[in-house]
Amino acid sequence: MRIKIELFGASREFSKNNLIEFNVSNNSKIKDIRAEMIKYLDQNFSGNENYKKIVKSSAFCSEDNNIVSDNYKITENEKIGIIPPIGGG
């Protein structure tokens, strides 16, 4: 299934379009999206460790702007937002 990740804050540096799209398996969860984003960063930014830290420490939100846990199941064509920490934490 296809999903879109809206980029906010420091994560906007990950793409010129302020979003990244991924094909993921059905029943994917936020923790799977984190892993996909790390792979994306390894491929597109030579494993930039600062970018990886952003993904690992960020919150994610659903389309209705609720913060979701790593076990949140994503539905097809859902738009998820990544919200990096502000001020380093």
PDB file of N, CA and C in Angstrom:
ATOM      1  N   MET A   1       0.851  -1.181   0.000  1.00  0.00           N
ATOM      2  CA  MET A   1       0.000   0.000   0.000  1.00  0.00           C
ATOM      3  C   MET A   1       0.889   1.233   0.000  1.00  0.00           C
ATOM      4  N   ARG A   2       0.350   2.321  -0.452  1.00  0.00           N
ATOM      5  CA  ARG A   2       1.100   3.570  -0.588  1.00  0.00           C
ATOM      6  C   ARG A   2       0.686   4.533   0.526  1.00  0.00           C
ATOM      7  N   ILE A   3       1.704   5.156   1.164  1.00  0.00           N
ATOM      8  CA  ILE A   3       1.421   6.171   2.182  1.00  0.00           C
ATOM      9  C   ILE A   3       2.305   7.389   1.938  1.00  0.00           C
ATOM     10  N   LYS A   4       1.868   8.518   2.483  1.00  0.00           N
ATOM     11  CA  LYS A   4       2.625   9.764   2.390  1.00  0.00           C
ATOM     12  C   LYS A   4       3.035  10.191   3.789  1.00  0.00           C
ATOM     13  N   ILE A   5       4.281  10.624   3.908  1.00  0.00           N
ATOM     14  CA  ILE A   5       4.792  11.149   5.170  1.00  0.00           C
ATOM     15  C   ILE A   5       5.007  12.644   4.980  1.00  0.00           C
ATOM     16  N   GLU A   6       4.218  13.449   5.684  1.00  0.00           N
ATOM     17  CA  GLU A   6       4.401  14.897   5.655  1.00  0.00           C
ATOM     18  C   GLU A   6       5.565  15.255   6.568  1.00  0.00           C
ATOM     19  N   LEU A   7       6.431  16.119   6.083  1.00  0.00           N
ATOM     20  CA  LEU A   7       7.633  16.490   6.815  1.00  0.00           C
ATOM     21  C   LEU A   7       7.462  17.851   7.471  1.00  0.00           C
ATOM     22  N   PHE A   8       7.772  17.901   8.764  1.00  0.00           N
ATOM     23  CA  PHE A   8       7.684  19.149   9.522  1.00  0.00           C
ATOM     24  C   PHE A   8       9.028  19.429  10.181  1.00  0.00           C
ATOM     25  N   GLY A   9       9.272  20.678  10.495  1.00  0.00           N
ATOM     26  CA  GLY A   9      10.486  21.065  11.202  1.00  0.00           C
ATOM     27  C   GLY A   9      11.739  20.633  10.468  1.00  0.00           C
ATOM     28  N   ALA A  10      12.710  20.120  11.216  1.00  0.00           N
ATOM     29  CA  ALA A  10      14.006  19.718  10.656  1.00  0.00           C
ATOM     30  C   ALA A  10      13.876  18.609   9.615  1.00  0.00           C
ATOM     31  N   SER A  11      12.815  17.821   9.675  1.00  0.00           N
ATOM     32  CA  SER A  11      12.661  16.729   8.710  1.00  0.00           C
ATOM     33  C   SER A  11      12.359  17.238   7.297  1.00  0.00           C
ATOM     34  N   ARG A  12      12.031  18.488   7.149  1.00  0.00           N
ATOM     35  CA  ARG A  12      11.785  19.044   5.804  1.00  0.00           C
ATOM     36  C   ARG A  12      13.032  18.974   4.933  1.00  0.00           C
ATOM     37  N   GLU A  13      14.180  18.843   5.547  1.00  0.00           N
ATOM     38  CA  GLU A  13      15.425  18.712   4.794  1.00  0.00           C
ATOM     39  C   GLU A  13      15.522  17.371   4.071  1.00  0.00           C
ATOM     40  N   PHE A  14      14.654  16.431   4.382  1.00  0.00           N
ATOM     41  CA  PHE A  14      14.685  15.105   3.780  1.00  0.00           C
ATOM     42  C   PHE A  14      14.178  15.100   2.338  1.00  0.00           C
ATOM     43  N   SER A  15      13.421  16.136   1.944  1.00  0.00           N
ATOM     44  CA  SER A  15      12.844  16.169   0.598  1.00  0.00           C
ATOM     45  C   SER A  15      12.496  17.604   0.212  1.00  0.00           C
ATOM     46  N   LYS A  16      12.653  17.919  -1.050  1.00  0.00           N
ATOM     47  CA  LYS A  16      12.288  19.249  -1.557  1.00  0.00           C
ATOM     48  C   LYS A  16      10.777  19.449  -1.577  1.00  0.00           C
ATOM     49  N   ASN A  17      10.022  18.365  -1.526  1.00  0.00           N
ATOM     50  CA  ASN A  17       8.560  18.424  -1.653  1.00  0.00           C
ATOM     51  C   ASN A  17       7.824  18.475  -0.320  1.00  0.00           C
ATOM     52  N   ASN A  18       8.541  18.499   0.806  1.00  0.00           N
ATOM     53  CA  ASN A  18       7.933  18.481   2.141  1.00  0.00           C
ATOM     54  C   ASN A  18       7.107  17.224   2.403  1.00  0.00           C
ATOM     55  N   LEU A  19       7.346  16.176   1.598  1.00  0.00           N
ATOM     56  CA  LEU A  19       6.733  14.881   1.870  1.00  0.00           C
ATOM     57  C   LEU A  19       7.530  13.790   1.186  1.00  0.00           C
ATOM     58  N   ILE A  20       7.389  12.604   1.726  1.00  0.00           N
ATOM     59  CA  ILE A  20       8.012  11.406   1.154  1.00  0.00           C
ATOM     60  C   ILE A  20       6.906  10.369   1.019  1.00  0.00           C
ATOM     61  N   GLU A  21       6.923   9.637  -0.074  1.00  0.00           N
ATOM     62  CA  GLU A  21       5.945   8.571  -0.270  1.00  0.00           C
ATOM     63  C   GLU A  21       6.654   7.225  -0.213  1.00  0.00           C
ATOM     64  N   PHE A  22       5.989   6.257   0.412  1.00  0.00           N
ATOM     65  CA  PHE A  22       6.531   4.909   0.532  1.00  0.00           C
ATOM     66  C   PHE A  22       5.475   3.888   0.147  1.00  0.00           C
ATOM     67  N   ASN A  23       5.934   2.785  -0.415  1.00  0.00           N
ATOM     68  CA  ASN A  23       5.103   1.594  -0.566  1.00  0.00           C
ATOM     69  C   ASN A  23       5.447   0.694   0.604  1.00  0.00           C
ATOM     70  N   VAL A  24       4.461   0.351   1.396  1.00  0.00           N
ATOM     71  CA  VAL A  24       4.667  -0.510   2.558  1.00  0.00           C
ATOM     72  C   VAL A  24       3.664  -1.656   2.520  1.00  0.00           C
ATOM     73  N   SER A  25       3.954  -2.693   3.274  1.00  0.00           N
ATOM     74  CA  SER A  25       3.049  -3.836   3.300  1.00  0.00           C
ATOM     75  C   SER A  25       1.792  -3.503   4.102  1.00  0.00           C
ATOM     76  N   ASN A  26       0.726  -4.243   3.843  1.00  0.00           N
ATOM     77  CA  ASN A  26      -0.499  -4.085   4.622  1.00  0.00           C
ATOM     78  C   ASN A  26      -0.181  -4.357   6.090  1.00  0.00           C
ATOM     79  N   ASN A  27      -0.922  -3.750   6.967  1.00  0.00           N
ATOM     80  CA  ASN A  27      -0.740  -3.889   8.411  1.00  0.00           C
ATOM     81  C   ASN A  27       0.561  -3.280   8.918  1.00  0.00           C
ATOM     82  N   SER A  28       1.142  -2.359   8.154  1.00  0.00           N
ATOM     83  CA  SER A  28       2.350  -1.666   8.613  1.00  0.00           C
ATOM     84  C   SER A  28       2.008  -0.752   9.767  1.00  0.00           C
ATOM     85  N   LYS A  29       2.991  -0.544  10.606  1.00  0.00           N
ATOM     86  CA  LYS A  29       2.843   0.309  11.779  1.00  0.00           C
ATOM     87  C   LYS A  29       3.858   1.437  11.702  1.00  0.00           C
ATOM     88  N   ILE A  30       3.729   2.388  12.603  1.00  0.00           N
ATOM     89  CA  ILE A  30       4.657   3.519  12.634  1.00  0.00           C
ATOM     90  C   ILE A  30       6.096   3.033  12.776  1.00  0.00           C
ATOM     91  N   LYS A  31       6.335   2.006  13.582  1.00  0.00           N
ATOM     92  CA  LYS A  31       7.703   1.499  13.745  1.00  0.00           C
ATOM     93  C   LYS A  31       8.265   1.019  12.406  1.00  0.00           C
ATOM     94  N   ASP A  32       7.415   0.520  11.521  1.00  0.00           N
ATOM     95  CA  ASP A  32       7.855   0.111  10.186  1.00  0.00           C
ATOM     96  C   ASP A  32       8.202   1.328   9.333  1.00  0.00           C
ATOM     97  N   ILE A  33       7.441   2.396   9.524  1.00  0.00           N
ATOM     98  CA  ILE A  33       7.714   3.636   8.795  1.00  0.00           C
ATOM     99  C   ILE A  33       9.059   4.218   9.236  1.00  0.00           C
ATOM    100  N   ARG A  34       9.335   4.177  10.527  1.00  0.00           N
ATOM    101  CA  ARG A  34      10.646   4.638  11.007  1.00  0.00           C
ATOM    102  C   ARG A  34      11.765   3.889  10.289  1.00  0.00           C
ATOM    103  N   ALA A  35      11.618   2.569  10.189  1.00  0.00           N
ATOM    104  CA  ALA A  35      12.632   1.747   9.527  1.00  0.00           C
ATOM    105  C   ALA A  35      12.761   2.118   8.046  1.00  0.00           C
ATOM    106  N   GLU A  36      11.629   2.334   7.370  1.00  0.00           N
ATOM    107  CA  GLU A  36      11.656   2.735   5.965  1.00  0.00           C
ATOM    108  C   GLU A  36      12.342   4.094   5.794  1.00  0.00           C
ATOM    109  N   MET A  37      12.083   5.001   6.723  1.00  0.00           N
ATOM    110  CA  MET A  37      12.699   6.321   6.627  1.00  0.00           C
ATOM    111  C   MET A  37      14.216   6.235   6.829  1.00  0.00           C
ATOM    112  N   ILE A  38      14.654   5.369   7.726  1.00  0.00           N
ATOM    113  CA  ILE A  38      16.095   5.180   7.939  1.00  0.00           C
ATOM    114  C   ILE A  38      16.735   4.646   6.656  1.00  0.00           C
ATOM    115  N   LYS A  39      16.090   3.676   6.007  1.00  0.00           N
ATOM    116  CA  LYS A  39      16.600   3.149   4.723  1.00  0.00           C
ATOM    117  C   LYS A  39      16.679   4.258   3.682  1.00  0.00           C
ATOM    118  N   TYR A  40      15.618   5.066   3.610  1.00  0.00           N
ATOM    119  CA  TYR A  40      15.574   6.186   2.670  1.00  0.00           C
ATOM    120  C   TYR A  40      16.745   7.142   2.918  1.00  0.00           C
ATOM    121  N   LEU A  41      17.003   7.460   4.177  1.00  0.00           N
ATOM    122  CA  LEU A  41      18.099   8.371   4.515  1.00  0.00           C
ATOM    123  C   LEU A  41      19.447   7.755   4.167  1.00  0.00           C
ATOM    124  N   ASP A  42      19.615   6.469   4.413  1.00  0.00           N
ATOM    125  CA  ASP A  42      20.865   5.785   4.043  1.00  0.00           C
ATOM    126  C   ASP A  42      21.112   5.876   2.541  1.00  0.00           C
ATOM    127  N   GLN A  43      20.055   5.724   1.757  1.00  0.00           N
ATOM    128  CA  GLN A  43      20.184   5.741   0.301  1.00  0.00           C
ATOM    129  C   GLN A  43      20.381   7.148  -0.259  1.00  0.00           C
ATOM    130  N   ASN A  44      19.724   8.130   0.339  1.00  0.00           N
ATOM    131  CA  ASN A  44      19.720   9.478  -0.236  1.00  0.00           C
ATOM    132  C   ASN A  44      20.649  10.479   0.437  1.00  0.00           C
ATOM    133  N   PHE A  45      21.099  10.160   1.629  1.00  0.00           N
ATOM    134  CA  PHE A  45      21.954  11.093   2.371  1.00  0.00           C
ATOM    135  C   PHE A  45      23.159  10.389   2.991  1.00  0.00           C
ATOM    136  N   SER A  46      23.619   9.331   2.358  1.00  0.00           N
ATOM    137  CA  SER A  46      24.813   8.587   2.781  1.00  0.00           C
ATOM    138  C   SER A  46      24.829   8.284   4.278  1.00  0.00           C
ATOM    139  N   GLY A  47      23.689   7.900   4.827  1.00  0.00           N
ATOM    140  CA  GLY A  47      23.623   7.502   6.224  1.00  0.00           C
ATOM    141  C   GLY A  47      23.833   8.638   7.204  1.00  0.00           C
ATOM    142  N   ASN A  48      23.423   9.834   6.862  1.00  0.00           N
ATOM    143  CA  ASN A  48      23.564  11.007   7.734  1.00  0.00           C
ATOM    144  C   ASN A  48      23.014  10.682   9.132  1.00  0.00           C
ATOM    145  N   GLU A  49      23.913  10.589  10.098  1.00  0.00           N
ATOM    146  CA  GLU A  49      23.537  10.179  11.454  1.00  0.00           C
ATOM    147  C   GLU A  49      22.620  11.197  12.134  1.00  0.00           C
ATOM    148  N   ASN A  50      22.790  12.480  11.851  1.00  0.00           N
ATOM    149  CA  ASN A  50      21.904  13.494  12.438  1.00  0.00           C
ATOM    150  C   ASN A  50      20.477  13.321  11.939  1.00  0.00           C
ATOM    151  N   TYR A  51      20.317  13.029  10.662  1.00  0.00           N
ATOM    152  CA  TYR A  51      18.983  12.798  10.118  1.00  0.00           C
ATOM    153  C   TYR A  51      18.353  11.552  10.754  1.00  0.00           C
ATOM    154  N   LYS A  52      19.162  10.510  10.931  1.00  0.00           N
ATOM    155  CA  LYS A  52      18.648   9.289  11.564  1.00  0.00           C
ATOM    156  C   LYS A  52      18.182   9.570  12.988  1.00  0.00           C
ATOM    157  N   LYS A  53      18.932  10.394  13.716  1.00  0.00           N
ATOM    158  CA  LYS A  53      18.537  10.748  15.082  1.00  0.00           C
ATOM    159  C   LYS A  53      17.203  11.482  15.088  1.00  0.00           C
ATOM    160  N   ILE A  54      16.990  12.328  14.085  1.00  0.00           N
ATOM    161  CA  ILE A  54      15.719  13.044  13.979  1.00  0.00           C
ATOM    162  C   ILE A  54      14.573  12.040  13.858  1.00  0.00           C
ATOM    163  N   VAL A  55      14.720  11.064  12.972  1.00  0.00           N
ATOM    164  CA  VAL A  55      13.659  10.069  12.765  1.00  0.00           C
ATOM    165  C   VAL A  55      13.429   9.257  14.037  1.00  0.00           C
ATOM    166  N   LYS A  56      14.505   8.848  14.683  1.00  0.00           N
ATOM    167  CA  LYS A  56      14.378   8.012  15.881  1.00  0.00           C
ATOM    168  C   LYS A  56      13.727   8.741  17.047  1.00  0.00           C
ATOM    169  N   SER A  57      13.893  10.058  17.122  1.00  0.00           N
ATOM    170  CA  SER A  57      13.357  10.805  18.260  1.00  0.00           C
ATOM    171  C   SER A  57      12.058  11.551  17.958  1.00  0.00           C
ATOM    172  N   SER A  58      11.578  11.468  16.740  1.00  0.00           N
ATOM    173  CA  SER A  58      10.385  12.208  16.337  1.00  0.00           C
ATOM    174  C   SER A  58       9.093  11.530  16.760  1.00  0.00           C
ATOM    175  N   ALA A  59       8.082  12.355  16.925  1.00  0.00           N
ATOM    176  CA  ALA A  59       6.708  11.861  17.096  1.00  0.00           C
ATOM    177  C   ALA A  59       6.082  11.780  15.707  1.00  0.00           C
ATOM    178  N   PHE A  60       5.044  10.972  15.591  1.00  0.00           N
ATOM    179  CA  PHE A  60       4.286  10.881  14.346  1.00  0.00           C
ATOM    180  C   PHE A  60       2.835  11.204  14.654  1.00  0.00           C
ATOM    181  N   CYS A  61       2.152  11.785  13.675  1.00  0.00           N
ATOM    182  CA  CYS A  61       0.739  12.110  13.873  1.00  0.00           C
ATOM    183  C   CYS A  61      -0.090  11.562  12.724  1.00  0.00           C
ATOM    184  N   SER A  62      -1.336  11.260  13.046  1.00  0.00           N
ATOM    185  CA  SER A  62      -2.285  10.745  12.059  1.00  0.00           C
ATOM    186  C   SER A  62      -2.879  11.903  11.270  1.00  0.00           C
ATOM    187  N   GLU A  63      -3.694  11.563  10.280  1.00  0.00           N
ATOM    188  CA  GLU A  63      -4.332  12.591   9.447  1.00  0.00           C
ATOM    189  C   GLU A  63      -5.202  13.544  10.254  1.00  0.00           C
ATOM    190  N   ASP A  64      -5.754  13.059  11.361  1.00  0.00           N
ATOM    191  CA  ASP A  64      -6.594  13.937  12.186  1.00  0.00           C
ATOM    192  C   ASP A  64      -5.784  14.635  13.282  1.00  0.00           C
ATOM    193  N   ASN A  65      -4.461  14.699  13.072  1.00  0.00           N
ATOM    194  CA  ASN A  65      -3.532  15.457  13.926  1.00  0.00           C
ATOM    195  C   ASN A  65      -3.408  14.929  15.349  1.00  0.00           C
ATOM    196  N   ASN A  66      -3.625  13.646  15.550  1.00  0.00           N
ATOM    197  CA  ASN A  66      -3.394  13.018  16.847  1.00  0.00           C
ATOM    198  C   ASN A  66      -2.025  12.347  16.846  1.00  0.00           C
ATOM    199  N   ILE A  67      -1.267  12.538  17.923  1.00  0.00           N
ATOM    200  CA  ILE A  67       0.007  11.855  18.061  1.00  0.00           C
ATOM    201  C   ILE A  67      -0.282  10.362  18.185  1.00  0.00           C
ATOM    202  N   VAL A  68       0.477   9.546  17.435  1.00  0.00           N
ATOM    203  CA  VAL A  68       0.250   8.103  17.425  1.00  0.00           C
ATOM    204  C   VAL A  68       1.507   7.363  17.885  1.00  0.00           C
ATOM    205  N   SER A  69       1.301   6.193  18.467  1.00  0.00           N
ATOM    206  CA  SER A  69       2.409   5.387  18.981  1.00  0.00           C
ATOM    207  C   SER A  69       3.049   4.575  17.853  1.00  0.00           C
ATOM    208  N   ASP A  70       4.161   3.941  18.173  1.00  0.00           N
ATOM    209  CA  ASP A  70       4.849   3.105  17.190  1.00  0.00           C
ATOM    210  C   ASP A  70       4.020   1.892  16.784  1.00  0.00           C
ATOM    211  N   ASN A  71       3.005   1.534  17.557  1.00  0.00           N
ATOM    212  CA  ASN A  71       2.161   0.386  17.225  1.00  0.00           C
ATOM    213  C   ASN A  71       0.906   0.767  16.442  1.00  0.00           C
ATOM    214  N   TYR A  72       0.768   2.045  16.105  1.00  0.00           N
ATOM    215  CA  TYR A  72      -0.381   2.516  15.328  1.00  0.00           C
ATOM    216  C   TYR A  72      -0.356   1.872  13.944  1.00  0.00           C
ATOM    217  N   LYS A  73      -1.473   1.240  13.543  1.00  0.00           N
ATOM    218  CA  LYS A  73      -1.580   0.610  12.222  1.00  0.00           C
ATOM    219  C   LYS A  73      -1.996   1.652  11.189  1.00  0.00           C
ATOM    220  N   ILE A  74      -1.288   1.658  10.094  1.00  0.00           N
ATOM    221  CA  ILE A  74      -1.523   2.620   9.025  1.00  0.00           C
ATOM    222  C   ILE A  74      -2.474   2.026   7.997  1.00  0.00           C
ATOM    223  N   THR A  75      -3.402   2.850   7.509  1.00  0.00           N
ATOM    224  CA  THR A  75      -4.330   2.392   6.478  1.00  0.00           C
ATOM    225  C   THR A  75      -3.852   2.857   5.106  1.00  0.00           C
ATOM    226  N   GLU A  76      -4.362   2.229   4.073  1.00  0.00           N
ATOM    227  CA  GLU A  76      -3.944   2.547   2.712  1.00  0.00           C
ATOM    228  C   GLU A  76      -4.234   4.003   2.370  1.00  0.00           C
ATOM    229  N   ASN A  77      -3.286   4.620   1.692  1.00  0.00           N
ATOM    230  CA  ASN A  77      -3.352   6.014   1.249  1.00  0.00           C
ATOM    231  C   ASN A  77      -3.423   7.012   2.405  1.00  0.00           C
ATOM    232  N   GLU A  78      -3.080   6.575   3.595  1.00  0.00           N
ATOM    233  CA  GLU A  78      -3.096   7.471   4.748  1.00  0.00           C
ATOM    234  C   GLU A  78      -1.915   8.436   4.667  1.00  0.00           C
ATOM    235  N   LYS A  79      -2.137   9.626   5.178  1.00  0.00           N
ATOM    236  CA  LYS A  79      -1.075  10.622   5.264  1.00  0.00           C
ATOM    237  C   LYS A  79      -0.674  10.730   6.731  1.00  0.00           C
ATOM    238  N   ILE A  80       0.603  10.516   6.989  1.00  0.00           N
ATOM    239  CA  ILE A  80       1.161  10.559   8.339  1.00  0.00           C
ATOM    240  C   ILE A  80       2.133  11.731   8.407  1.00  0.00           C
ATOM    241  N   GLY A  81       2.203  12.400   9.524  1.00  0.00           N
ATOM    242  CA  GLY A  81       3.166  13.481   9.704  1.00  0.00           C
ATOM    243  C   GLY A  81       4.275  13.072  10.659  1.00  0.00           C
ATOM    244  N   ILE A  82       5.497  13.527  10.362  1.00  0.00           N
ATOM    245  CA  ILE A  82       6.607  13.326  11.284  1.00  0.00           C
ATOM    246  C   ILE A  82       6.911  14.670  11.933  1.00  0.00           C
ATOM    247  N   ILE A  83       6.974  14.667  13.254  1.00  0.00           N
ATOM    248  CA  ILE A  83       7.159  15.905  14.020  1.00  0.00           C
ATOM    249  C   ILE A  83       8.434  15.779  14.867  1.00  0.00           C
ATOM    250  N   PRO A  84       9.531  16.344  14.373  1.00  0.00           N
ATOM    251  CA  PRO A  84      10.786  16.270  15.130  1.00  0.00           C
ATOM    252  C   PRO A  84      10.710  17.073  16.421  1.00  0.00           C
ATOM    253  N   PRO A  85      11.552  16.706  17.397  1.00  0.00           N
ATOM    254  CA  PRO A  85      11.593  17.477  18.627  1.00  0.00           C
ATOM    255  C   PRO A  85      12.102  18.886  18.351  1.00  0.00           C
ATOM    256  N   ILE A  86      11.648  19.817  19.148  1.00  0.00           N
ATOM    257  CA  ILE A  86      12.074  21.209  19.017  1.00  0.00           C
ATOM    258  C   ILE A  86      13.094  21.501  20.090  1.00  0.00           C
ATOM    259  N   GLY A  87      14.152  22.166  19.744  1.00  0.00           N
ATOM    260  CA  GLY A  87      15.162  22.550  20.713  1.00  0.00           C
ATOM    261  C   GLY A  87      15.972  21.382  21.234  1.00  0.00           C
ATOM    262  N   GLY A  88      16.114  20.332  20.429  1.00  0.00           N
ATOM    263  CA  GLY A  88      16.966  19.215  20.779  1.00  0.00           C
ATOM    264  C   GLY A  88      16.350  18.177  21.681  1.00  0.00           C
ATOM    265  N   GLY A  89      15.113  18.287  22.051  1.00  0.00           N
ATOM    266  CA  GLY A  89      14.572  17.249  22.910  1.00  0.00           C
ATOM    267  C   GLY A  89      13.116  17.259  22.977  1.00  0.00           C
TER     268      GLY A  89
END
